Amino acid sequence: DREELCESAVSCSFNLEALANSPLQLYQVRINI
């Protein structure tokens, strides 16, 4: 629910991190609502 997540903000998103081991790799993920 965008209104629950970001209230009245013009833009709404949240961030995730995707992790893989051996070797360790980190990926930044943004989800725009």
ModelCIF file with pLDDT and N, C-alpha, C, O atoms, coordinates in Angstrom:
data_MODEL
#
_entry.id   MODEL 
#
_entity.id                         1 
_entity.type                       polymer 
_entity.pdbx_number_of_molecules   1 
#
_entity_poly.entity_id                      1 
_entity_poly.type                           'polypeptide(L)' 
_entity_poly.nstd_linkage                   no 
_entity_poly.nstd_monomer                   no 
_entity_poly.pdbx_seq_one_letter_code       DREELCESAVSCSFNLEALANSPLQLYQVRINI 
_entity_poly.pdbx_seq_one_letter_code_can   DREELCESAVSCSFNLEALANSPLQLYQVRINI 
_entity_poly.pdbx_strand_id                 A 
#
loop_
_entity_poly_seq.entity_id 
_entity_poly_seq.num 
_entity_poly_seq.mon_id 
_entity_poly_seq.hetero 
1 1  ASP n 
1 2  ARG n 
1 3  GLU n 
1 4  GLU n 
1 5  LEU n 
1 6  CYS n 
1 7  GLU n 
1 8  SER n 
1 9  ALA n 
1 10 VAL n 
1 11 SER n 
1 12 CYS n 
1 13 SER n 
1 14 PHE n 
1 15 ASN n 
1 16 LEU n 
1 17 GLU n 
1 18 ALA n 
1 19 LEU n 
1 20 ALA n 
1 21 ASN n 
1 22 SER n 
1 23 PRO n 
1 24 LEU n 
1 25 GLN n 
1 26 LEU n 
1 27 TYR n 
1 28 GLN n 
1 29 VAL n 
1 30 ARG n 
1 31 ILE n 
1 32 ASN n 
1 33 ILE n 
#
_struct_asym.id          A 
_struct_asym.entity_id   1 
#
loop_
_ma_qa_metric.id 
_ma_qa_metric.mode 
_ma_qa_metric.name 
_ma_qa_metric.software_group_id 
_ma_qa_metric.type 
1 global pLDDT . pLDDT 
2 local  pLDDT . pLDDT 
#
_ma_qa_metric_global.metric_id      1 
_ma_qa_metric_global.metric_value   89.55 
_ma_qa_metric_global.model_id       1 
_ma_qa_metric_global.ordinal_id     1 
#
loop_
_ma_qa_metric_local.label_asym_id 
_ma_qa_metric_local.label_comp_id 
_ma_qa_metric_local.label_seq_id 
_ma_qa_metric_local.metric_id 
_ma_qa_metric_local.metric_value 
_ma_qa_metric_local.model_id 
_ma_qa_metric_local.ordinal_id 
A ASP 1  2 93.00 1 1  
A ARG 2  2 92.00 1 2  
A GLU 3  2 91.00 1 3  
A GLU 4  2 90.00 1 4  
A LEU 5  2 89.00 1 5  
A CYS 6  2 88.00 1 6  
A GLU 7  2 85.00 1 7  
A SER 8  2 80.00 1 8  
A ALA 9  2 85.00 1 9  
A VAL 10 2 85.00 1 10 
A SER 11 2 89.00 1 11 
A CYS 12 2 92.00 1 12 
A SER 13 2 92.00 1 13 
A PHE 14 2 91.00 1 14 
A ASN 15 2 91.00 1 15 
A LEU 16 2 90.00 1 16 
A GLU 17 2 90.00 1 17 
A ALA 18 2 89.00 1 18 
A LEU 19 2 89.00 1 19 
A ALA 20 2 89.00 1 20 
A ASN 21 2 89.00 1 21 
A SER 22 2 88.00 1 22 
A PRO 23 2 89.00 1 23 
A LEU 24 2 88.00 1 24 
A GLN 25 2 87.00 1 25 
A LEU 26 2 89.00 1 26 
A TYR 27 2 89.00 1 27 
A GLN 28 2 91.00 1 28 
A VAL 29 2 92.00 1 29 
A ARG 30 2 92.00 1 30 
A ILE 31 2 92.00 1 31 
A ASN 32 2 95.00 1 32 
A ILE 33 2 94.00 1 33 
#
loop_
_atom_site.group_PDB 
_atom_site.id 
_atom_site.type_symbol 
_atom_site.label_atom_id 
_atom_site.label_alt_id 
_atom_site.label_comp_id 
_atom_site.label_asym_id 
_atom_site.label_entity_id 
_atom_site.label_seq_id 
_atom_site.pdbx_PDB_ins_code 
_atom_site.Cartn_x 
_atom_site.Cartn_y 
_atom_site.Cartn_z 
_atom_site.occupancy 
_atom_site.B_iso_or_equiv 
_atom_site.pdbx_formal_charge 
_atom_site.auth_seq_id 
_atom_site.auth_comp_id 
_atom_site.auth_asym_id 
_atom_site.auth_atom_id 
_atom_site.pdbx_PDB_model_num 
ATOM 1   N N  . ASP A 1 1  ? 0.865  -1.181  0.000  1.00 93.00 ? 1  ASP A N  1 
ATOM 2   C CA . ASP A 1 1  ? 0.000  0.000   0.000  1.00 93.00 ? 1  ASP A CA 1 
ATOM 3   C C  . ASP A 1 1  ? 0.901  1.230   0.000  1.00 93.00 ? 1  ASP A C  1 
ATOM 4   O O  . ASP A 1 1  ? 1.581  1.510   0.987  1.00 93.00 ? 1  ASP A O  1 
ATOM 5   N N  . ARG A 1 2  ? 0.902  1.966   -1.118 1.00 92.00 ? 2  ARG A N  1 
ATOM 6   C CA . ARG A 1 2  ? 1.796  3.117   -1.225 1.00 92.00 ? 2  ARG A CA 1 
ATOM 7   C C  . ARG A 1 2  ? 1.524  4.149   -0.135 1.00 92.00 ? 2  ARG A C  1 
ATOM 8   O O  . ARG A 1 2  ? 2.460  4.728   0.417  1.00 92.00 ? 2  ARG A O  1 
ATOM 9   N N  . GLU A 1 3  ? 0.242  4.384   0.182  1.00 91.00 ? 3  GLU A N  1 
ATOM 10  C CA . GLU A 1 3  ? -0.088 5.382   1.183  1.00 91.00 ? 3  GLU A CA 1 
ATOM 11  C C  . GLU A 1 3  ? 0.392  4.958   2.577  1.00 91.00 ? 3  GLU A C  1 
ATOM 12  O O  . GLU A 1 3  ? 0.799  5.797   3.381  1.00 91.00 ? 3  GLU A O  1 
ATOM 13  N N  . GLU A 1 4  ? 0.342  3.656   2.854  1.00 90.00 ? 4  GLU A N  1 
ATOM 14  C CA . GLU A 1 4  ? 0.850  3.156   4.130  1.00 90.00 ? 4  GLU A CA 1 
ATOM 15  C C  . GLU A 1 4  ? 2.367  3.234   4.184  1.00 90.00 ? 4  GLU A C  1 
ATOM 16  O O  . GLU A 1 4  ? 2.947  3.511   5.233  1.00 90.00 ? 4  GLU A O  1 
ATOM 17  N N  . LEU A 1 5  ? 2.999  2.991   3.056  1.00 89.00 ? 5  LEU A N  1 
ATOM 18  C CA . LEU A 1 5  ? 4.452  2.940   3.003  1.00 89.00 ? 5  LEU A CA 1 
ATOM 19  C C  . LEU A 1 5  ? 5.078  4.329   2.968  1.00 89.00 ? 5  LEU A C  1 
ATOM 20  O O  . LEU A 1 5  ? 6.089  4.574   3.627  1.00 89.00 ? 5  LEU A O  1 
ATOM 21  N N  . CYS A 1 6  ? 4.485  5.234   2.204  1.00 88.00 ? 6  CYS A N  1 
ATOM 22  C CA . CYS A 1 6  ? 5.114  6.549   1.970  1.00 88.00 ? 6  CYS A CA 1 
ATOM 23  C C  . CYS A 1 6  ? 4.204  7.728   2.247  1.00 88.00 ? 6  CYS A C  1 
ATOM 24  O O  . CYS A 1 6  ? 4.592  8.869   1.994  1.00 88.00 ? 6  CYS A O  1 
ATOM 25  N N  . GLU A 1 7  ? 2.999  7.488   2.761  1.00 85.00 ? 7  GLU A N  1 
ATOM 26  C CA . GLU A 1 7  ? 2.032  8.547   3.037  1.00 85.00 ? 7  GLU A CA 1 
ATOM 27  C C  . GLU A 1 7  ? 1.806  9.386   1.775  1.00 85.00 ? 7  GLU A C  1 
ATOM 28  O O  . GLU A 1 7  ? 1.439  8.839   0.735  1.00 85.00 ? 7  GLU A O  1 
ATOM 29  N N  . SER A 1 8  ? 2.020  10.706  1.848  1.00 80.00 ? 8  SER A N  1 
ATOM 30  C CA . SER A 1 8  ? 1.703  11.573  0.708  1.00 80.00 ? 8  SER A CA 1 
ATOM 31  C C  . SER A 1 8  ? 2.929  11.977  -0.095 1.00 80.00 ? 8  SER A C  1 
ATOM 32  O O  . SER A 1 8  ? 2.868  12.926  -0.876 1.00 80.00 ? 8  SER A O  1 
ATOM 33  N N  . ALA A 1 9  ? 4.049  11.268  0.083  1.00 85.00 ? 9  ALA A N  1 
ATOM 34  C CA . ALA A 1 9  ? 5.262  11.593  -0.664 1.00 85.00 ? 9  ALA A CA 1 
ATOM 35  C C  . ALA A 1 9  ? 5.019  11.476  -2.161 1.00 85.00 ? 9  ALA A C  1 
ATOM 36  O O  . ALA A 1 9  ? 4.287  10.597  -2.615 1.00 85.00 ? 9  ALA A O  1 
ATOM 37  N N  . VAL A 1 10 ? 5.646  12.381  -2.931 1.00 85.00 ? 10 VAL A N  1 
ATOM 38  C CA . VAL A 1 10 ? 5.454  12.379  -4.374 1.00 85.00 ? 10 VAL A CA 1 
ATOM 39  C C  . VAL A 1 10 ? 5.985  11.096  -5.001 1.00 85.00 ? 10 VAL A C  1 
ATOM 40  O O  . VAL A 1 10 ? 5.346  10.518  -5.881 1.00 85.00 ? 10 VAL A O  1 
ATOM 41  N N  . SER A 1 11 ? 7.143  10.656  -4.551 1.00 89.00 ? 11 SER A N  1 
ATOM 42  C CA . SER A 1 11 ? 7.692  9.392   -5.045 1.00 89.00 ? 11 SER A CA 1 
ATOM 43  C C  . SER A 1 11 ? 7.772  8.400   -3.885 1.00 89.00 ? 11 SER A C  1 
ATOM 44  O O  . SER A 1 11 ? 7.909  8.790   -2.725 1.00 89.00 ? 11 SER A O  1 
ATOM 45  N N  . CYS A 1 12 ? 7.686  7.124   -4.214 1.00 92.00 ? 12 CYS A N  1 
ATOM 46  C CA . CYS A 1 12 ? 7.666  6.093   -3.173 1.00 92.00 ? 12 CYS A CA 1 
ATOM 47  C C  . CYS A 1 12 ? 8.494  4.909   -3.629 1.00 92.00 ? 12 CYS A C  1 
ATOM 48  O O  . CYS A 1 12 ? 8.308  4.401   -4.735 1.00 92.00 ? 12 CYS A O  1 
ATOM 49  N N  . SER A 1 13 ? 9.401  4.471   -2.783 1.00 92.00 ? 13 SER A N  1 
ATOM 50  C CA . SER A 1 13 ? 10.226 3.309   -3.106 1.00 92.00 ? 13 SER A CA 1 
ATOM 51  C C  . SER A 1 13 ? 10.784 2.723   -1.825 1.00 92.00 ? 13 SER A C  1 
ATOM 52  O O  . SER A 1 13 ? 10.743 3.353   -0.768 1.00 92.00 ? 13 SER A O  1 
ATOM 53  N N  . PHE A 1 14 ? 11.307 1.509   -1.930 1.00 91.00 ? 14 PHE A N  1 
ATOM 54  C CA . PHE A 1 14 ? 12.060 0.942   -0.824 1.00 91.00 ? 14 PHE A CA 1 
ATOM 55  C C  . PHE A 1 14 ? 13.234 0.169   -1.412 1.00 91.00 ? 14 PHE A C  1 
ATOM 56  O O  . PHE A 1 14 ? 13.210 -0.230  -2.577 1.00 91.00 ? 14 PHE A O  1 
ATOM 57  N N  . ASN A 1 15 ? 14.256 -0.034  -0.594 1.00 91.00 ? 15 ASN A N  1 
ATOM 58  C CA . ASN A 1 15 ? 15.501 -0.641  -1.059 1.00 91.00 ? 15 ASN A CA 1 
ATOM 59  C C  . ASN A 1 15 ? 15.686 -2.045  -0.503 1.00 91.00 ? 15 ASN A C  1 
ATOM 60  O O  . ASN A 1 15 ? 15.261 -2.354  0.610  1.00 91.00 ? 15 ASN A O  1 
ATOM 61  N N  . LEU A 1 16 ? 16.325 -2.883  -1.300 1.00 90.00 ? 16 LEU A N  1 
ATOM 62  C CA . LEU A 1 16 ? 16.700 -4.237  -0.904 1.00 90.00 ? 16 LEU A CA 1 
ATOM 63  C C  . LEU A 1 16 ? 18.178 -4.427  -1.209 1.00 90.00 ? 16 LEU A C  1 
ATOM 64  O O  . LEU A 1 16 ? 18.762 -3.718  -2.028 1.00 90.00 ? 16 LEU A O  1 
ATOM 65  N N  . GLU A 1 17 ? 18.755 -5.388  -0.537 1.00 90.00 ? 17 GLU A N  1 
ATOM 66  C CA . GLU A 1 17 ? 20.108 -5.821  -0.880 1.00 90.00 ? 17 GLU A CA 1 
ATOM 67  C C  . GLU A 1 17 ? 20.048 -7.300  -1.233 1.00 90.00 ? 17 GLU A C  1 
ATOM 68  O O  . GLU A 1 17 ? 19.475 -8.106  -0.501 1.00 90.00 ? 17 GLU A O  1 
ATOM 69  N N  . ALA A 1 18 ? 20.654 -7.644  -2.374 1.00 89.00 ? 18 ALA A N  1 
ATOM 70  C CA . ALA A 1 18 ? 20.746 -9.035  -2.798 1.00 89.00 ? 18 ALA A CA 1 
ATOM 71  C C  . ALA A 1 18 ? 22.168 -9.516  -2.537 1.00 89.00 ? 18 ALA A C  1 
ATOM 72  O O  . ALA A 1 18 ? 23.128 -8.890  -2.985 1.00 89.00 ? 18 ALA A O  1 
ATOM 73  N N  . LEU A 1 19 ? 22.306 -10.616 -1.821 1.00 89.00 ? 19 LEU A N  1 
ATOM 74  C CA . LEU A 1 19 ? 23.616 -11.120 -1.419 1.00 89.00 ? 19 LEU A CA 1 
ATOM 75  C C  . LEU A 1 19 ? 23.868 -12.504 -2.015 1.00 89.00 ? 19 LEU A C  1 
ATOM 76  O O  . LEU A 1 19 ? 22.987 -13.363 -2.034 1.00 89.00 ? 19 LEU A O  1 
ATOM 77  N N  . ALA A 1 20 ? 25.098 -12.694 -2.500 1.00 89.00 ? 20 ALA A N  1 
ATOM 78  C CA . ALA A 1 20 ? 25.550 -14.010 -2.953 1.00 89.00 ? 20 ALA A CA 1 
ATOM 79  C C  . ALA A 1 20 ? 26.924 -14.263 -2.341 1.00 89.00 ? 20 ALA A C  1 
ATOM 80  O O  . ALA A 1 20 ? 27.767 -13.366 -2.315 1.00 89.00 ? 20 ALA A O  1 
ATOM 81  N N  . ASN A 1 21 ? 27.150 -15.472 -1.852 1.00 89.00 ? 21 ASN A N  1 
ATOM 82  C CA . ASN A 1 21 ? 28.414 -15.813 -1.195 1.00 89.00 ? 21 ASN A CA 1 
ATOM 83  C C  . ASN A 1 21 ? 29.377 -16.522 -2.161 1.00 89.00 ? 21 ASN A C  1 
ATOM 84  O O  . ASN A 1 21 ? 28.999 -16.976 -3.241 1.00 89.00 ? 21 ASN A O  1 
ATOM 85  N N  . SER A 1 22 ? 30.633 -16.592 -1.718 1.00 88.00 ? 22 SER A N  1 
ATOM 86  C CA . SER A 1 22 ? 31.694 -17.387 -2.381 1.00 88.00 ? 22 SER A CA 1 
ATOM 87  C C  . SER A 1 22 ? 31.872 -17.115 -3.876 1.00 88.00 ? 22 SER A C  1 
ATOM 88  O O  . SER A 1 22 ? 31.569 -18.007 -4.670 1.00 88.00 ? 22 SER A O  1 
ATOM 89  N N  . PRO A 1 23 ? 32.330 -15.977 -4.300 1.00 89.00 ? 23 PRO A N  1 
ATOM 90  C CA . PRO A 1 23 ? 32.739 -14.857 -3.448 1.00 89.00 ? 23 PRO A CA 1 
ATOM 91  C C  . PRO A 1 23 ? 31.535 -14.007 -3.043 1.00 89.00 ? 23 PRO A C  1 
ATOM 92  O O  . PRO A 1 23 ? 30.471 -14.091 -3.656 1.00 89.00 ? 23 PRO A O  1 
ATOM 93  N N  . LEU A 1 24 ? 31.715 -13.188 -2.006 1.00 88.00 ? 24 LEU A N  1 
ATOM 94  C CA . LEU A 1 24 ? 30.637 -12.331 -1.527 1.00 88.00 ? 24 LEU A CA 1 
ATOM 95  C C  . LEU A 1 24 ? 30.396 -11.205 -2.529 1.00 88.00 ? 24 LEU A C  1 
ATOM 96  O O  . LEU A 1 24 ? 31.313 -10.456 -2.867 1.00 88.00 ? 24 LEU A O  1 
ATOM 97  N N  . GLN A 1 25 ? 29.169 -11.096 -2.994 1.00 87.00 ? 25 GLN A N  1 
ATOM 98  C CA . GLN A 1 25 ? 28.775 -10.019 -3.882 1.00 87.00 ? 25 GLN A CA 1 
ATOM 99  C C  . GLN A 1 25 ? 27.490 -9.382  -3.356 1.00 87.00 ? 25 GLN A C  1 
ATOM 100 O O  . GLN A 1 25 ? 26.587 -10.068 -2.877 1.00 87.00 ? 25 GLN A O  1 
ATOM 101 N N  . LEU A 1 26 ? 27.431 -8.076  -3.455 1.00 89.00 ? 26 LEU A N  1 
ATOM 102 C CA . LEU A 1 26 ? 26.289 -7.320  -2.951 1.00 89.00 ? 26 LEU A CA 1 
ATOM 103 C C  . LEU A 1 26 ? 25.686 -6.516  -4.096 1.00 89.00 ? 26 LEU A C  1 
ATOM 104 O O  . LEU A 1 26 ? 26.401 -5.808  -4.806 1.00 89.00 ? 26 LEU A O  1 
ATOM 105 N N  . TYR A 1 27 ? 24.372 -6.623  -4.276 1.00 89.00 ? 27 TYR A N  1 
ATOM 106 C CA . TYR A 1 27 ? 23.667 -5.896  -5.312 1.00 89.00 ? 27 TYR A CA 1 
ATOM 107 C C  . TYR A 1 27 ? 22.598 -5.009  -4.663 1.00 89.00 ? 27 TYR A C  1 
ATOM 108 O O  . TYR A 1 27 ? 21.838 -5.457  -3.806 1.00 89.00 ? 27 TYR A O  1 
ATOM 109 N N  . GLN A 1 28 ? 22.559 -3.757  -5.086 1.00 91.00 ? 28 GLN A N  1 
ATOM 110 C CA . GLN A 1 28 ? 21.554 -2.826  -4.576 1.00 91.00 ? 28 GLN A CA 1 
ATOM 111 C C  . GLN A 1 28 ? 20.316 -2.882  -5.464 1.00 91.00 ? 28 GLN A C  1 
ATOM 112 O O  . GLN A 1 28 ? 20.412 -2.813  -6.689 1.00 91.00 ? 28 GLN A O  1 
ATOM 113 N N  . VAL A 1 29 ? 19.157 -3.008  -4.832 1.00 92.00 ? 29 VAL A N  1 
ATOM 114 C CA . VAL A 1 29 ? 17.900 -3.113  -5.571 1.00 92.00 ? 29 VAL A CA 1 
ATOM 115 C C  . VAL A 1 29 ? 16.924 -2.059  -5.040 1.00 92.00 ? 29 VAL A C  1 
ATOM 116 O O  . VAL A 1 29 ? 16.725 -1.942  -3.831 1.00 92.00 ? 29 VAL A O  1 
ATOM 117 N N  . ARG A 1 30 ? 16.326 -1.303  -5.945 1.00 92.00 ? 30 ARG A N  1 
ATOM 118 C CA . ARG A 1 30 ? 15.298 -0.345  -5.540 1.00 92.00 ? 30 ARG A CA 1 
ATOM 119 C C  . ARG A 1 30 ? 13.965 -0.733  -6.190 1.00 92.00 ? 30 ARG A C  1 
ATOM 120 O O  . ARG A 1 30 ? 13.902 -1.011  -7.388 1.00 92.00 ? 30 ARG A O  1 
ATOM 121 N N  . ILE A 1 31 ? 12.919 -0.744  -5.389 1.00 92.00 ? 31 ILE A N  1 
ATOM 122 C CA . ILE A 1 31 ? 11.574 -1.050  -5.877 1.00 92.00 ? 31 ILE A CA 1 
ATOM 123 C C  . ILE A 1 31 ? 10.752 0.241   -5.830 1.00 92.00 ? 31 ILE A C  1 
ATOM 124 O O  . ILE A 1 31 ? 10.440 0.744   -4.751 1.00 92.00 ? 31 ILE A O  1 
ATOM 125 N N  . ASN A 1 32 ? 10.407 0.768   -6.997 1.00 95.00 ? 32 ASN A N  1 
ATOM 126 C CA . ASN A 1 32 ? 9.551  1.948   -7.072 1.00 95.00 ? 32 ASN A CA 1 
ATOM 127 C C  . ASN A 1 32 ? 8.091  1.512   -7.036 1.00 95.00 ? 32 ASN A C  1 
ATOM 128 O O  . ASN A 1 32 ? 7.685  0.607   -7.764 1.00 95.00 ? 32 ASN A O  1 
ATOM 129 N N  . ILE A 1 33 ? 7.306  2.166   -6.182 1.00 94.00 ? 33 ILE A N  1 
ATOM 130 C CA . ILE A 1 33 ? 5.884  1.844   -6.059 1.00 94.00 ? 33 ILE A CA 1 
ATOM 131 C C  . ILE A 1 33 ? 5.077  2.921   -6.776 1.00 94.00 ? 33 ILE A C  1 
ATOM 132 O O  . ILE A 1 33 ? 3.848  2.856   -6.802 1.00 94.00 ? 33 ILE A O  1 
#
